[in-house]
């Protein structure tokens, strides 16, 4: 799960992401989104 904020020249930018980015986002996408160096982490209770 993630929240996208903008479509940039580099791709779709995510500003808020699941605590386990690899498992909950990247493994489920057919493309690699742009993730800022320090994205906001979603509350881990959402993923229990």
PDB file of N, CA and C in Angstrom:
ATOM      1  N   UNK A   1       0.844  -1.160   0.000  1.00  0.00           N
ATOM      2  CA  UNK A   1       0.000   0.000   0.000  1.00  0.00           C
ATOM      3  C   UNK A   1       0.896   1.231   0.000  1.00  0.00           C
ATOM      4  N   UNK A   2       0.459   2.236  -0.723  1.00  0.00           N
ATOM      5  CA  UNK A   2       1.226   3.472  -0.807  1.00  0.00           C
ATOM      6  C   UNK A   2       0.331   4.612  -1.260  1.00  0.00           C
ATOM      7  N   UNK A   3       0.791   5.812  -1.017  1.00  0.00           N
ATOM      8  CA  UNK A   3       0.090   6.998  -1.481  1.00  0.00           C
ATOM      9  C   UNK A   3       1.007   7.706  -2.468  1.00  0.00           C
ATOM     10  N   UNK A   4       0.496   7.914  -3.668  1.00  0.00           N
ATOM     11  CA  UNK A   4       1.261   8.611  -4.696  1.00  0.00           C
ATOM     12  C   UNK A   4       0.945  10.093  -4.627  1.00  0.00           C
ATOM     13  N   UNK A   5       1.968  10.903  -4.816  1.00  0.00           N
ATOM     14  CA  UNK A   5       1.736  12.335  -4.760  1.00  0.00           C
ATOM     15  C   UNK A   5       1.857  13.015  -6.108  1.00  0.00           C
ATOM     16  N   UNK A   6       2.662  12.454  -6.996  1.00  0.00           N
ATOM     17  CA  UNK A   6       2.873  13.151  -8.256  1.00  0.00           C
ATOM     18  C   UNK A   6       3.440  12.225  -9.318  1.00  0.00           C
ATOM     19  N   UNK A   7       3.158  12.584 -10.558  1.00  0.00           N
ATOM     20  CA  UNK A   7       3.798  11.931 -11.683  1.00  0.00           C
ATOM     21  C   UNK A   7       4.938  12.849 -12.105  1.00  0.00           C
ATOM     22  N   UNK A   8       6.154  12.395 -11.905  1.00  0.00           N
ATOM     23  CA  UNK A   8       7.334  13.209 -12.193  1.00  0.00           C
ATOM     24  C   UNK A   8       7.978  12.713 -13.488  1.00  0.00           C
ATOM     25  N   UNK A   9       8.947  13.428 -14.019  1.00  0.00           N
ATOM     26  CA  UNK A   9       9.664  12.947 -15.205  1.00  0.00           C
ATOM     27  C   UNK A   9      10.337  11.587 -14.964  1.00  0.00           C
ATOM     28  N   UNK A  10      10.637  11.279 -13.690  1.00  0.00           N
ATOM     29  CA  UNK A  10      11.268   9.994 -13.354  1.00  0.00           C
ATOM     30  C   UNK A  10      10.260   8.884 -13.104  1.00  0.00           C
ATOM     31  N   UNK A  11       8.973   9.202 -12.990  1.00  0.00           N
ATOM     32  CA  UNK A  11       7.945   8.195 -12.755  1.00  0.00           C
ATOM     33  C   UNK A  11       6.995   8.602 -11.652  1.00  0.00           C
ATOM     34  N   UNK A  12       6.177   7.660 -11.213  1.00  0.00           N
ATOM     35  CA  UNK A  12       5.194   7.896 -10.159  1.00  0.00           C
ATOM     36  C   UNK A  12       5.905   7.979  -8.812  1.00  0.00           C
ATOM     37  N   UNK A  13       5.752   9.090  -8.114  1.00  0.00           N
ATOM     38  CA  UNK A  13       6.440   9.294  -6.832  1.00  0.00           C
ATOM     39  C   UNK A  13       5.504   8.934  -5.676  1.00  0.00           C
ATOM     40  N   UNK A  14       6.000   8.127  -4.764  1.00  0.00           N
ATOM     41  CA  UNK A  14       5.242   7.721  -3.581  1.00  0.00           C
ATOM     42  C   UNK A  14       5.737   8.513  -2.380  1.00  0.00           C
ATOM     43  N   UNK A  15       4.819   9.126  -1.645  1.00  0.00           N
ATOM     44  CA  UNK A  15       5.239   9.930  -0.500  1.00  0.00           C
ATOM     45  C   UNK A  15       4.966   9.245   0.826  1.00  0.00           C
ATOM     46  N   UNK A  16       4.035   8.293   0.823  1.00  0.00           N
ATOM     47  CA  UNK A  16       3.730   7.547   2.054  1.00  0.00           C
ATOM     48  C   UNK A  16       3.681   6.083   1.669  1.00  0.00           C
ATOM     49  N   UNK A  17       4.403   5.250   2.411  1.00  0.00           N
ATOM     50  CA  UNK A  17       4.554   3.857   2.014  1.00  0.00           C
ATOM     51  C   UNK A  17       4.327   2.900   3.187  1.00  0.00           C
ATOM     52  N   UNK A  18       4.064   1.642   2.831  1.00  0.00           N
ATOM     53  CA  UNK A  18       3.940   0.578   3.815  1.00  0.00           C
ATOM     54  C   UNK A  18       5.295   0.365   4.493  1.00  0.00           C
ATOM     55  N   UNK A  19       5.297  -0.117   5.738  1.00  0.00           N
ATOM     56  CA  UNK A  19       6.555  -0.338   6.456  1.00  0.00           C
ATOM     57  C   UNK A  19       7.512  -1.295   5.724  1.00  0.00           C
ATOM     58  N   UNK A  20       6.972  -2.320   5.070  1.00  0.00           N
ATOM     59  CA  UNK A  20       7.814  -3.252   4.310  1.00  0.00           C
ATOM     60  C   UNK A  20       7.640  -2.932   2.827  1.00  0.00           C
ATOM     61  N   UNK A  21       8.408  -1.973   2.350  1.00  0.00           N
ATOM     62  CA  UNK A  21       8.266  -1.482   0.976  1.00  0.00           C
ATOM     63  C   UNK A  21       8.434  -2.610  -0.038  1.00  0.00           C
ATOM     64  N   UNK A  22       9.410  -3.453   0.147  1.00  0.00           N
ATOM     65  CA  UNK A  22       9.670  -4.527  -0.817  1.00  0.00           C
ATOM     66  C   UNK A  22       8.479  -5.480  -0.921  1.00  0.00           C
ATOM     67  N   UNK A  23       7.994  -5.987   0.199  1.00  0.00           N
ATOM     68  CA  UNK A  23       6.908  -6.970   0.201  1.00  0.00           C
ATOM     69  C   UNK A  23       5.562  -6.364  -0.177  1.00  0.00           C
ATOM     70  N   UNK A  24       5.244  -5.212   0.390  1.00  0.00           N
ATOM     71  CA  UNK A  24       3.902  -4.652   0.238  1.00  0.00           C
ATOM     72  C   UNK A  24       3.732  -3.727  -0.962  1.00  0.00           C
ATOM     73  N   UNK A  25       4.816  -3.322  -1.604  1.00  0.00           N
ATOM     74  CA  UNK A  25       4.690  -2.413  -2.745  1.00  0.00           C
ATOM     75  C   UNK A  25       5.446  -2.940  -3.960  1.00  0.00           C
ATOM     76  N   UNK A  26       6.767  -3.008  -3.859  1.00  0.00           N
ATOM     77  CA  UNK A  26       7.583  -3.329  -5.025  1.00  0.00           C
ATOM     78  C   UNK A  26       7.302  -4.715  -5.607  1.00  0.00           C
ATOM     79  N   UNK A  27       7.054  -5.702  -4.765  1.00  0.00           N
ATOM     80  CA  UNK A  27       6.792  -7.057  -5.248  1.00  0.00           C
ATOM     81  C   UNK A  27       5.453  -7.157  -5.986  1.00  0.00           C
ATOM     82  N   UNK A  28       4.576  -6.187  -5.779  1.00  0.00           N
ATOM     83  CA  UNK A  28       3.242  -6.225  -6.379  1.00  0.00           C
ATOM     84  C   UNK A  28       3.096  -5.336  -7.610  1.00  0.00           C
ATOM     85  N   UNK A  29       4.118  -4.597  -7.959  1.00  0.00           N
ATOM     86  CA  UNK A  29       4.044  -3.653  -9.072  1.00  0.00           C
ATOM     87  C   UNK A  29       4.783  -4.190 -10.298  1.00  0.00           C
ATOM     88  N   UNK A  30       4.300  -3.800 -11.475  1.00  0.00           N
ATOM     89  CA  UNK A  30       4.983  -4.140 -12.726  1.00  0.00           C
ATOM     90  C   UNK A  30       5.989  -3.062 -13.110  1.00  0.00           C
ATOM     91  N   UNK A  31       6.127  -2.054 -12.276  1.00  0.00           N
ATOM     92  CA  UNK A  31       7.060  -0.964 -12.523  1.00  0.00           C
ATOM     93  C   UNK A  31       7.680  -0.551 -11.195  1.00  0.00           C
ATOM     94  N   UNK A  32       8.758   0.182 -11.254  1.00  0.00           N
ATOM     95  CA  UNK A  32       9.419   0.635 -10.032  1.00  0.00           C
ATOM     96  C   UNK A  32       9.062   2.097  -9.786  1.00  0.00           C
ATOM     97  N   UNK A  33       8.282   2.383  -8.740  1.00  0.00           N
ATOM     98  CA  UNK A  33       7.937   3.772  -8.449  1.00  0.00           C
ATOM     99  C   UNK A  33       9.131   4.522  -7.853  1.00  0.00           C
ATOM    100  N   UNK A  34       9.042   5.841  -7.896  1.00  0.00           N
ATOM    101  CA  UNK A  34      10.066   6.695  -7.296  1.00  0.00           C
ATOM    102  C   UNK A  34       9.708   6.841  -5.817  1.00  0.00           C
ATOM    103  N   UNK A  35      10.644   6.498  -4.944  1.00  0.00           N
ATOM    104  CA  UNK A  35      10.410   6.612  -3.507  1.00  0.00           C
ATOM    105  C   UNK A  35      11.458   7.559  -2.944  1.00  0.00           C
ATOM    106  N   UNK A  36      11.011   8.674  -2.331  1.00  0.00           N
ATOM    107  CA  UNK A  36      11.969   9.622  -1.766  1.00  0.00           C
ATOM    108  C   UNK A  36      12.854   8.963  -0.711  1.00  0.00           C
ATOM    109  N   UNK A  37      13.975   9.589  -0.438  1.00  0.00           N
ATOM    110  CA  UNK A  37      14.923   9.038   0.530  1.00  0.00           C
ATOM    111  C   UNK A  37      14.278   8.785   1.887  1.00  0.00           C
ATOM    112  N   UNK A  38      13.411   9.685   2.348  1.00  0.00           N
ATOM    113  CA  UNK A  38      12.760   9.550   3.653  1.00  0.00           C
ATOM    114  C   UNK A  38      11.246   9.631   3.514  1.00  0.00           C
ATOM    115  N   UNK A  39      10.611   8.573   2.961  1.00  0.00           N
ATOM    116  CA  UNK A  39       9.158   8.634   2.812  1.00  0.00           C
ATOM    117  C   UNK A  39       8.470   8.512   4.171  1.00  0.00           C
ATOM    118  N   UNK A  40       7.253   8.969   4.246  1.00  0.00           N
ATOM    119  CA  UNK A  40       6.452   8.801   5.457  1.00  0.00           C
ATOM    120  C   UNK A  40       6.017   7.339   5.517  1.00  0.00           C
ATOM    121  N   UNK A  41       6.178   6.694   6.668  1.00  0.00           N
ATOM    122  CA  UNK A  41       5.759   5.302   6.821  1.00  0.00           C
ATOM    123  C   UNK A  41       4.327   5.245   7.334  1.00  0.00           C
ATOM    124  N   UNK A  42       3.525   4.391   6.717  1.00  0.00           N
ATOM    125  CA  UNK A  42       2.146   4.183   7.165  1.00  0.00           C
ATOM    126  C   UNK A  42       2.165   3.436   8.501  1.00  0.00           C
ATOM    127  N   UNK A  43       1.094   3.569   9.225  1.00  0.00           N
ATOM    128  CA  UNK A  43       0.964   2.903  10.524  1.00  0.00           C
ATOM    129  C   UNK A  43       1.008   1.384  10.302  1.00  0.00           C
ATOM    130  N   UNK A  44       1.947   0.676  10.938  1.00  0.00           N
ATOM    131  CA  UNK A  44       2.076  -0.774  10.721  1.00  0.00           C
ATOM    132  C   UNK A  44       0.851  -1.570  11.157  1.00  0.00           C
ATOM    133  N   UNK A  45      -0.006  -1.013  12.000  1.00  0.00           N
ATOM    134  CA  UNK A  45      -1.220  -1.734  12.420  1.00  0.00           C
ATOM    135  C   UNK A  45      -2.159  -1.992  11.253  1.00  0.00           C
ATOM    136  N   UNK A  46      -2.065  -1.196  10.200  1.00  0.00           N
ATOM    137  CA  UNK A  46      -2.905  -1.384   9.021  1.00  0.00           C
ATOM    138  C   UNK A  46      -2.606  -2.720   8.353  1.00  0.00           C
ATOM    139  N   UNK A  47      -1.387  -3.224   8.494  1.00  0.00           N
ATOM    140  CA  UNK A  47      -0.940  -4.401   7.760  1.00  0.00           C
ATOM    141  C   UNK A  47      -0.957  -5.685   8.577  1.00  0.00           C
ATOM    142  N   UNK A  48      -1.583  -5.672   9.706  1.00  0.00           N
ATOM    143  CA  UNK A  48      -1.653  -6.883  10.548  1.00  0.00           C
ATOM    144  C   UNK A  48      -2.757  -7.792  10.098  1.00  0.00           C
TER     145      UNK A  48
END
